[in-house]
Each structure stands twice: as C-alpha cells, then as structure tokens.
C-alpha cells in the first residue's frame, strides 16, 4: 500500500481492506508510518521519533481475565 492509497480511506475503510484481504495490517501500518514521517518532515511536530518497526502480527486487546 502506498501513501496515496492510504490517504483515500478512513479507519473503517482501512479495516474493510484488511478484512477482505486486499492488504495486510502490516502494509497499512507501514503506509501510516510513511505518511507520518512525510508530514513530520514538513511541520517538525513530533515530540519523539516513531522508531518501532511494523509488527508482524496484529495486536489484540488483553482478555478480561488479564485485566486488573
């Protein structure tokens, strides 16, 4: 997924693309990070660099039993 494709969709649209298998969550995350980096080059607005690499597996919420 390229930045110009990423910017065409809102969160629900991106979720639908992932759900349908058109793109992976990792591809969306990579495009989001590229868009963020491109915007930050122009405005220099990030307080901390976004250095974490895209995750290979989707994140899930902890089960209710794990919450305290």
PDB file of N, CA and C in Angstrom:
ATOM      1  N   UNK A   1       0.842  -1.169   0.000  1.00  0.00           N
ATOM      2  CA  UNK A   1       0.000   0.000   0.000  1.00  0.00           C
ATOM      3  C   UNK A   1       0.891   1.237   0.000  1.00  0.00           C
ATOM      4  N   UNK A   2       0.560   2.175  -0.850  1.00  0.00           N
ATOM      5  CA  UNK A   2       1.306   3.432  -0.942  1.00  0.00           C
ATOM      6  C   UNK A   2       0.557   4.529  -0.183  1.00  0.00           C
ATOM      7  N   UNK A   3       1.275   5.584   0.145  1.00  0.00           N
ATOM      8  CA  UNK A   3       0.676   6.679   0.912  1.00  0.00           C
ATOM      9  C   UNK A   3      -0.562   7.228   0.212  1.00  0.00           C
ATOM     10  N   UNK A   4      -0.503   7.412  -1.109  1.00  0.00           N
ATOM     11  CA  UNK A   4      -1.660   7.974  -1.812  1.00  0.00           C
ATOM     12  C   UNK A   4      -2.874   7.051  -1.727  1.00  0.00           C
ATOM     13  N   UNK A   5      -2.661   5.752  -1.615  1.00  0.00           N
ATOM     14  CA  UNK A   5      -3.773   4.818  -1.424  1.00  0.00           C
ATOM     15  C   UNK A   5      -4.276   4.897   0.018  1.00  0.00           C
ATOM     16  N   UNK A   6      -3.340   4.950   0.955  1.00  0.00           N
ATOM     17  CA  UNK A   6      -3.668   5.014   2.382  1.00  0.00           C
ATOM     18  C   UNK A   6      -4.545   6.232   2.701  1.00  0.00           C
ATOM     19  N   UNK A   7      -4.219   7.370   2.107  1.00  0.00           N
ATOM     20  CA  UNK A   7      -4.935   8.606   2.435  1.00  0.00           C
ATOM     21  C   UNK A   7      -6.340   8.655   1.848  1.00  0.00           C
ATOM     22  N   UNK A   8      -6.690   7.739   0.985  1.00  0.00           N
ATOM     23  CA  UNK A   8      -8.040   7.693   0.417  1.00  0.00           C
ATOM     24  C   UNK A   8      -9.076   7.128   1.394  1.00  0.00           C
ATOM     25  N   UNK A   9      -8.620   6.459   2.445  1.00  0.00           N
ATOM     26  CA  UNK A   9      -9.520   5.731   3.328  1.00  0.00           C
ATOM     27  C   UNK A   9      -9.515   6.284   4.743  1.00  0.00           C
ATOM     28  N   UNK A  10     -10.665   6.160   5.400  1.00  0.00           N
ATOM     29  CA  UNK A  10     -10.719   6.426   6.831  1.00  0.00           C
ATOM     30  C   UNK A  10     -10.453   5.103   7.553  1.00  0.00           C
ATOM     31  N   UNK A  11     -10.541   5.104   8.878  1.00  0.00           N
ATOM     32  CA  UNK A  11     -10.222   3.902   9.653  1.00  0.00           C
ATOM     33  C   UNK A  11     -11.117   2.723   9.295  1.00  0.00           C
ATOM     34  N   UNK A  12     -12.391   2.992   9.072  1.00  0.00           N
ATOM     35  CA  UNK A  12     -13.319   1.916   8.724  1.00  0.00           C
ATOM     36  C   UNK A  12     -12.976   1.346   7.346  1.00  0.00           C
ATOM     37  N   UNK A  13     -12.653   2.213   6.413  1.00  0.00           N
ATOM     38  CA  UNK A  13     -12.269   1.761   5.082  1.00  0.00           C
ATOM     39  C   UNK A  13     -11.007   0.917   5.110  1.00  0.00           C
ATOM     40  N   UNK A  14     -10.030   1.336   5.910  1.00  0.00           N
ATOM     41  CA  UNK A  14      -8.793   0.556   6.044  1.00  0.00           C
ATOM     42  C   UNK A  14      -9.083  -0.793   6.685  1.00  0.00           C
ATOM     43  N   UNK A  15      -9.943  -0.790   7.704  1.00  0.00           N
ATOM     44  CA  UNK A  15     -10.316  -2.055   8.341  1.00  0.00           C
ATOM     45  C   UNK A  15     -10.970  -2.996   7.328  1.00  0.00           C
ATOM     46  N   UNK A  16     -11.837  -2.463   6.477  1.00  0.00           N
ATOM     47  CA  UNK A  16     -12.502  -3.286   5.471  1.00  0.00           C
ATOM     48  C   UNK A  16     -11.509  -3.858   4.463  1.00  0.00           C
ATOM     49  N   UNK A  17     -10.508  -3.072   4.084  1.00  0.00           N
ATOM     50  CA  UNK A  17      -9.479  -3.568   3.171  1.00  0.00           C
ATOM     51  C   UNK A  17      -8.699  -4.719   3.807  1.00  0.00           C
ATOM     52  N   UNK A  18      -8.383  -4.574   5.081  1.00  0.00           N
ATOM     53  CA  UNK A  18      -7.661  -5.631   5.801  1.00  0.00           C
ATOM     54  C   UNK A  18      -8.544  -6.874   5.916  1.00  0.00           C
ATOM     55  N   UNK A  19      -9.791  -6.663   6.302  1.00  0.00           N
ATOM     56  CA  UNK A  19     -10.725  -7.779   6.497  1.00  0.00           C
ATOM     57  C   UNK A  19     -10.945  -8.553   5.197  1.00  0.00           C
ATOM     58  N   UNK A  20     -10.989  -7.850   4.073  1.00  0.00           N
ATOM     59  CA  UNK A  20     -11.217  -8.509   2.783  1.00  0.00           C
ATOM     60  C   UNK A  20      -9.958  -9.165   2.232  1.00  0.00           C
ATOM     61  N   UNK A  21      -8.811  -8.877   2.860  1.00  0.00           N
ATOM     62  CA  UNK A  21      -7.556  -9.465   2.408  1.00  0.00           C
ATOM     63  C   UNK A  21      -6.865  -8.697   1.299  1.00  0.00           C
ATOM     64  N   UNK A  22      -7.403  -7.515   0.950  1.00  0.00           N
ATOM     65  CA  UNK A  22      -6.777  -6.709  -0.096  1.00  0.00           C
ATOM     66  C   UNK A  22      -5.410  -6.192   0.328  1.00  0.00           C
ATOM     67  N   UNK A  23      -5.259  -5.920   1.608  1.00  0.00           N
ATOM     68  CA  UNK A  23      -3.978  -5.503   2.187  1.00  0.00           C
ATOM     69  C   UNK A  23      -3.830  -6.168   3.543  1.00  0.00           C
ATOM     70  N   UNK A  24      -2.621  -6.160   4.059  1.00  0.00           N
ATOM     71  CA  UNK A  24      -2.392  -6.701   5.398  1.00  0.00           C
ATOM     72  C   UNK A  24      -2.321  -5.549   6.394  1.00  0.00           C
ATOM     73  N   UNK A  25      -2.492  -5.880   7.656  1.00  0.00           N
ATOM     74  CA  UNK A  25      -2.368  -4.865   8.701  1.00  0.00           C
ATOM     75  C   UNK A  25      -0.964  -4.264   8.697  1.00  0.00           C
ATOM     76  N   UNK A  26       0.039  -5.096   8.424  1.00  0.00           N
ATOM     77  CA  UNK A  26       1.416  -4.603   8.384  1.00  0.00           C
ATOM     78  C   UNK A  26       1.606  -3.595   7.247  1.00  0.00           C
ATOM     79  N   UNK A  27       0.955  -3.826   6.106  1.00  0.00           N
ATOM     80  CA  UNK A  27       1.051  -2.879   4.990  1.00  0.00           C
ATOM     81  C   UNK A  27       0.410  -1.543   5.347  1.00  0.00           C
ATOM     82  N   UNK A  28      -0.724  -1.599   6.025  1.00  0.00           N
ATOM     83  CA  UNK A  28      -1.396  -0.365   6.447  1.00  0.00           C
ATOM     84  C   UNK A  28      -0.538   0.365   7.470  1.00  0.00           C
ATOM     85  N   UNK A  29       0.037  -0.368   8.410  1.00  0.00           N
ATOM     86  CA  UNK A  29       0.892   0.256   9.422  1.00  0.00           C
ATOM     87  C   UNK A  29       2.105   0.916   8.778  1.00  0.00           C
ATOM     88  N   UNK A  30       2.712   0.247   7.818  1.00  0.00           N
ATOM     89  CA  UNK A  30       3.870   0.810   7.120  1.00  0.00           C
ATOM     90  C   UNK A  30       3.487   2.093   6.390  1.00  0.00           C
ATOM     91  N   UNK A  31       2.357   2.073   5.689  1.00  0.00           N
ATOM     92  CA  UNK A  31       1.904   3.272   4.970  1.00  0.00           C
ATOM     93  C   UNK A  31       1.613   4.406   5.949  1.00  0.00           C
ATOM     94  N   UNK A  32       1.021   4.078   7.098  1.00  0.00           N
ATOM     95  CA  UNK A  32       0.733   5.104   8.108  1.00  0.00           C
ATOM     96  C   UNK A  32       2.024   5.726   8.627  1.00  0.00           C
ATOM     97  N   UNK A  33       3.016   4.899   8.885  1.00  0.00           N
ATOM     98  CA  UNK A  33       4.301   5.419   9.381  1.00  0.00           C
ATOM     99  C   UNK A  33       4.997   6.276   8.323  1.00  0.00           C
ATOM    100  N   UNK A  34       4.896   5.883   7.058  1.00  0.00           N
ATOM    101  CA  UNK A  34       5.487   6.683   5.981  1.00  0.00           C
ATOM    102  C   UNK A  34       4.775   8.027   5.867  1.00  0.00           C
ATOM    103  N   UNK A  35       3.446   8.014   5.983  1.00  0.00           N
ATOM    104  CA  UNK A  35       2.685   9.262   5.925  1.00  0.00           C
ATOM    105  C   UNK A  35       3.042  10.168   7.096  1.00  0.00           C
ATOM    106  N   UNK A  36       3.175   9.582   8.261  1.00  0.00           N
ATOM    107  CA  UNK A  36       3.555  10.349   9.449  1.00  0.00           C
ATOM    108  C   UNK A  36       4.939  10.969   9.284  1.00  0.00           C
ATOM    109  N   UNK A  37       5.872  10.192   8.773  1.00  0.00           N
ATOM    110  CA  UNK A  37       7.228  10.704   8.565  1.00  0.00           C
ATOM    111  C   UNK A  37       7.237  11.829   7.534  1.00  0.00           C
ATOM    112  N   UNK A  38       6.456  11.668   6.465  1.00  0.00           N
ATOM    113  CA  UNK A  38       6.397  12.707   5.431  1.00  0.00           C
ATOM    114  C   UNK A  38       5.800  13.997   5.988  1.00  0.00           C
ATOM    115  N   UNK A  39       4.752  13.876   6.792  1.00  0.00           N
ATOM    116  CA  UNK A  39       4.143  15.066   7.394  1.00  0.00           C
ATOM    117  C   UNK A  39       5.097  15.719   8.376  1.00  0.00           C
ATOM    118  N   UNK A  40       5.799  14.903   9.158  1.00  0.00           N
ATOM    119  CA  UNK A  40       6.714  15.456  10.152  1.00  0.00           C
ATOM    120  C   UNK A  40       7.879  16.201   9.496  1.00  0.00           C
ATOM    121  N   UNK A  41       8.290  15.760   8.319  1.00  0.00           N
ATOM    122  CA  UNK A  41       9.366  16.483   7.610  1.00  0.00           C
ATOM    123  C   UNK A  41       8.948  17.916   7.325  1.00  0.00           C
ATOM    124  N   UNK A  42       7.666  18.112   7.073  1.00  0.00           N
ATOM    125  CA  UNK A  42       7.172  19.453   6.751  1.00  0.00           C
ATOM    126  C   UNK A  42       6.934  20.303   7.986  1.00  0.00           C
ATOM    127  N   UNK A  43       6.370  19.713   9.037  1.00  0.00           N
ATOM    128  CA  UNK A  43       5.967  20.515  10.192  1.00  0.00           C
ATOM    129  C   UNK A  43       6.857  20.345  11.410  1.00  0.00           C
ATOM    130  N   UNK A  44       7.695  19.311  11.416  1.00  0.00           N
ATOM    131  CA  UNK A  44       8.583  19.030  12.538  1.00  0.00           C
ATOM    132  C   UNK A  44       7.795  19.071  13.853  1.00  0.00           C
ATOM    133  N   UNK A  45       6.689  18.306  13.888  1.00  0.00           N
ATOM    134  CA  UNK A  45       5.808  18.382  15.033  1.00  0.00           C
ATOM    135  C   UNK A  45       5.833  17.206  15.981  1.00  0.00           C
ATOM    136  N   UNK A  46       6.620  16.176  15.684  1.00  0.00           N
ATOM    137  CA  UNK A  46       6.645  15.027  16.576  1.00  0.00           C
ATOM    138  C   UNK A  46       7.597  15.269  17.731  1.00  0.00           C
ATOM    139  N   UNK A  47       7.132  14.958  18.932  1.00  0.00           N
ATOM    140  CA  UNK A  47       7.986  15.127  20.100  1.00  0.00           C
ATOM    141  C   UNK A  47       9.019  14.009  20.200  1.00  0.00           C
ATOM    142  N   UNK A  48       8.609  12.806  19.808  1.00  0.00           N
ATOM    143  CA  UNK A  48       9.501  11.648  19.850  1.00  0.00           C
ATOM    144  C   UNK A  48       9.484  10.947  18.498  1.00  0.00           C
ATOM    145  N   UNK A  49      10.600  10.398  18.073  1.00  0.00           N
ATOM    146  CA  UNK A  49      10.600   9.677  16.794  1.00  0.00           C
ATOM    147  C   UNK A  49       9.796   8.386  16.903  1.00  0.00           C
ATOM    148  N   UNK A  50       9.182   8.015  15.822  1.00  0.00           N
ATOM    149  CA  UNK A  50       8.433   6.762  15.761  1.00  0.00           C
ATOM    150  C   UNK A  50       9.373   5.699  15.205  1.00  0.00           C
ATOM    151  N   UNK A  51      10.091   5.034  16.101  1.00  0.00           N
ATOM    152  CA  UNK A  51      11.155   4.136  15.654  1.00  0.00           C
ATOM    153  C   UNK A  51      10.773   2.672  15.661  1.00  0.00           C
ATOM    154  N   UNK A  52       9.621   2.327  16.255  1.00  0.00           N
ATOM    155  CA  UNK A  52       9.255   0.927  16.307  1.00  0.00           C
ATOM    156  C   UNK A  52       8.923   0.409  14.911  1.00  0.00           C
ATOM    157  N   UNK A  53       9.422  -0.760  14.579  1.00  0.00           N
ATOM    158  CA  UNK A  53       9.163  -1.370  13.286  1.00  0.00           C
ATOM    159  C   UNK A  53       7.727  -1.890  13.239  1.00  0.00           C
ATOM    160  N   UNK A  54       7.150  -2.000  12.043  1.00  0.00           N
ATOM    161  CA  UNK A  54       5.799  -2.566  11.937  1.00  0.00           C
ATOM    162  C   UNK A  54       5.748  -3.968  12.528  1.00  0.00           C
ATOM    163  N   UNK A  55       4.648  -4.268  13.186  1.00  0.00           N
ATOM    164  CA  UNK A  55       4.500  -5.576  13.810  1.00  0.00           C
ATOM    165  C   UNK A  55       4.116  -6.616  12.770  1.00  0.00           C
ATOM    166  N   UNK A  56       4.564  -7.847  12.972  1.00  0.00           N
ATOM    167  CA  UNK A  56       4.261  -8.931  12.054  1.00  0.00           C
ATOM    168  C   UNK A  56       2.892  -9.523  12.331  1.00  0.00           C
ATOM    169  N   UNK A  57       2.415  -9.364  13.555  1.00  0.00           N
ATOM    170  CA  UNK A  57       1.110  -9.909  13.901  1.00  0.00           C
ATOM    171  C   UNK A  57       0.225  -8.799  14.425  1.00  0.00           C
ATOM    172  N   UNK A  58      -1.077  -8.896  14.161  1.00  0.00           N
ATOM    173  CA  UNK A  58      -1.972  -7.851  14.663  1.00  0.00           C
ATOM    174  C   UNK A  58      -2.017  -7.842  16.179  1.00  0.00           C
ATOM    175  N   UNK A  59      -2.208  -6.662  16.725  1.00  0.00           N
ATOM    176  CA  UNK A  59      -2.326  -6.537  18.179  1.00  0.00           C
ATOM    177  C   UNK A  59      -3.742  -6.897  18.580  1.00  0.00           C
ATOM    178  N   UNK A  60      -3.859  -7.521  19.727  1.00  0.00           N
ATOM    179  CA  UNK A  60      -5.186  -7.838  20.256  1.00  0.00           C
ATOM    180  C   UNK A  60      -5.299  -7.273  21.658  1.00  0.00           C
ATOM    181  N   UNK A  61      -6.515  -7.002  22.046  1.00  0.00           N
ATOM    182  CA  UNK A  61      -6.749  -6.499  23.397  1.00  0.00           C
ATOM    183  C   UNK A  61      -6.568  -7.647  24.382  1.00  0.00           C
ATOM    184  N   UNK A  62      -6.100  -7.342  25.583  1.00  0.00           N
ATOM    185  CA  UNK A  62      -5.956  -8.402  26.585  1.00  0.00           C
ATOM    186  C   UNK A  62      -7.329  -8.964  26.938  1.00  0.00           C
ATOM    187  N   UNK A  63      -7.354 -10.232  27.280  1.00  0.00           N
ATOM    188  CA  UNK A  63      -8.611 -10.855  27.678  1.00  0.00           C
ATOM    189  C   UNK A  63      -9.079 -10.252  28.993  1.00  0.00           C
ATOM    190  N   UNK A  64     -10.390 -10.296  29.252  1.00  0.00           N
ATOM    191  CA  UNK A  64     -10.895  -9.711  30.510  1.00  0.00           C
ATOM    192  C   UNK A  64     -10.243 -10.319  31.748  1.00  0.00           C
ATOM    193  N   UNK A  65      -9.832 -11.564  31.682  1.00  0.00           N
ATOM    194  CA  UNK A  65      -9.203 -12.224  32.839  1.00  0.00           C
ATOM    195  C   UNK A  65      -7.842 -11.597  33.159  1.00  0.00           C
ATOM    196  N   UNK A  66      -7.194 -10.997  32.153  1.00  0.00           N
ATOM    197  CA  UNK A  66      -5.860 -10.414  32.361  1.00  0.00           C
ATOM    198  C   UNK A  66      -5.932  -9.013  32.941  1.00  0.00           C
ATOM    199  N   UNK A  67      -7.069  -8.398  32.875  1.00  0.00           N
ATOM    200  CA  UNK A  67      -7.199  -7.016  33.360  1.00  0.00           C
ATOM    201  C   UNK A  67      -7.328  -7.023  34.879  1.00  0.00           C
ATOM    202  N   UNK A  68      -6.738  -6.009  35.496  1.00  0.00           N
ATOM    203  CA  UNK A  68      -6.879  -5.913  36.954  1.00  0.00           C
ATOM    204  C   UNK A  68      -7.532  -4.639  37.357  1.00  0.00           C
TER     205      UNK A  68
END
